[in-house]
Amino acid sequence: MNKTIFLVRARASGKTTMERLLAEKLHYTFIDNDFNLYETTKQTVAEIVEKDG
């Protein structure tokens, strides 16, 4: 069975760091959603928030 964990916190609160550590500890695959979002939109999270709120 595949299991997925999402961490939800404010921007710049250390989610990516904690996600990487948690994935390593649990032997899960780490997927960087900020990177995936950039690949899809060609905008950073900060740019999207500035533009669209």
C-alpha atoms as a PDB file:
ATOM      1  CA  MET A   1       0.000   0.000   0.000  1.00  0.00           C
ATOM      2  CA  ASN A   2       1.332   3.455  -0.952  1.00  0.00           C
ATOM      3  CA  LYS A   3       1.235   6.063   1.777  1.00  0.00           C
ATOM      4  CA  THR A   4       1.522   9.808   1.290  1.00  0.00           C
ATOM      5  CA  ILE A   5       2.381  12.446   3.868  1.00  0.00           C
ATOM      6  CA  PHE A   6       1.858  16.174   3.290  1.00  0.00           C
ATOM      7  CA  LEU A   7       3.265  18.824   5.608  1.00  0.00           C
ATOM      8  CA  VAL A   8       1.264  22.039   5.680  1.00  0.00           C
ATOM      9  CA  ARG A   9       2.798  25.149   7.249  1.00  0.00           C
ATOM     10  CA  ALA A  10       3.493  28.779   6.455  1.00  0.00           C
ATOM     11  CA  ARG A  11       5.951  29.687   3.705  1.00  0.00           C
ATOM     12  CA  ALA A  12       9.609  29.614   4.752  1.00  0.00           C
ATOM     13  CA  SER A  13       8.866  27.621   7.910  1.00  0.00           C
ATOM     14  CA  GLY A  14      11.230  24.726   7.134  1.00  0.00           C
ATOM     15  CA  LYS A  15       8.785  22.301   5.480  1.00  0.00           C
ATOM     16  CA  THR A  16      11.193  21.176   2.777  1.00  0.00           C
ATOM     17  CA  THR A  17      13.941  20.468   5.296  1.00  0.00           C
ATOM     18  CA  MET A  18      11.587  18.464   7.508  1.00  0.00           C
ATOM     19  CA  GLU A  19      10.078  16.658   4.508  1.00  0.00           C
ATOM     20  CA  ARG A  20      13.511  15.537   3.332  1.00  0.00           C
ATOM     21  CA  LEU A  21      14.463  14.298   6.810  1.00  0.00           C
ATOM     22  CA  LEU A  22      11.129  12.537   7.324  1.00  0.00           C
ATOM     23  CA  ALA A  23      11.297  10.864   3.913  1.00  0.00           C
ATOM     24  CA  GLU A  24      14.807   9.634   4.629  1.00  0.00           C
ATOM     25  CA  LYS A  25      13.859   8.296   8.067  1.00  0.00           C
ATOM     26  CA  LEU A  26      10.732   6.507   6.769  1.00  0.00           C
ATOM     27  CA  HIS A  27      12.372   5.355   3.510  1.00  0.00           C
ATOM     28  CA  TYR A  28       9.802   7.302   1.464  1.00  0.00           C
ATOM     29  CA  THR A  29      10.370   9.056  -1.832  1.00  0.00           C
ATOM     30  CA  PHE A  30      10.705  12.822  -1.367  1.00  0.00           C
ATOM     31  CA  ILE A  31       8.873  14.947  -3.943  1.00  0.00           C
ATOM     32  CA  ASP A  32       9.504  18.696  -3.891  1.00  0.00           C
ATOM     33  CA  ASN A  33       6.141  20.255  -4.716  1.00  0.00           C
ATOM     34  CA  ASP A  34       7.656  23.739  -5.093  1.00  0.00           C
ATOM     35  CA  PHE A  35       9.890  22.332  -7.848  1.00  0.00           C
ATOM     36  CA  ASN A  36       6.943  20.565  -9.507  1.00  0.00           C
ATOM     37  CA  LEU A  37       4.906  23.766  -9.360  1.00  0.00           C
ATOM     38  CA  TYR A  38       7.759  25.724 -10.958  1.00  0.00           C
ATOM     39  CA  GLU A  39       8.144  23.110 -13.709  1.00  0.00           C
ATOM     40  CA  THR A  40       4.419  23.403 -14.472  1.00  0.00           C
ATOM     41  CA  THR A  41       3.964  27.187 -14.217  1.00  0.00           C
ATOM     42  CA  LYS A  42       7.512  28.535 -14.776  1.00  0.00           C
ATOM     43  CA  GLN A  43       6.903  30.701 -11.681  1.00  0.00           C
ATOM     44  CA  THR A  44       8.203  30.370  -8.146  1.00  0.00           C
ATOM     45  CA  VAL A  45       5.784  30.131  -5.222  1.00  0.00           C
ATOM     46  CA  ALA A  46       6.743  33.688  -4.253  1.00  0.00           C
ATOM     47  CA  GLU A  47       5.959  34.930  -7.776  1.00  0.00           C
ATOM     48  CA  ILE A  48       2.578  33.199  -7.767  1.00  0.00           C
ATOM     49  CA  VAL A  49       1.681  34.627  -4.346  1.00  0.00           C
ATOM     50  CA  GLU A  50       2.797  38.123  -5.391  1.00  0.00           C
ATOM     51  CA  LYS A  51       0.774  37.956  -8.601  1.00  0.00           C
ATOM     52  CA  ASP A  52      -2.319  36.031  -7.509  1.00  0.00           C
ATOM     53  CA  GLY A  53      -2.336  36.340  -3.731  1.00  0.00           C
END
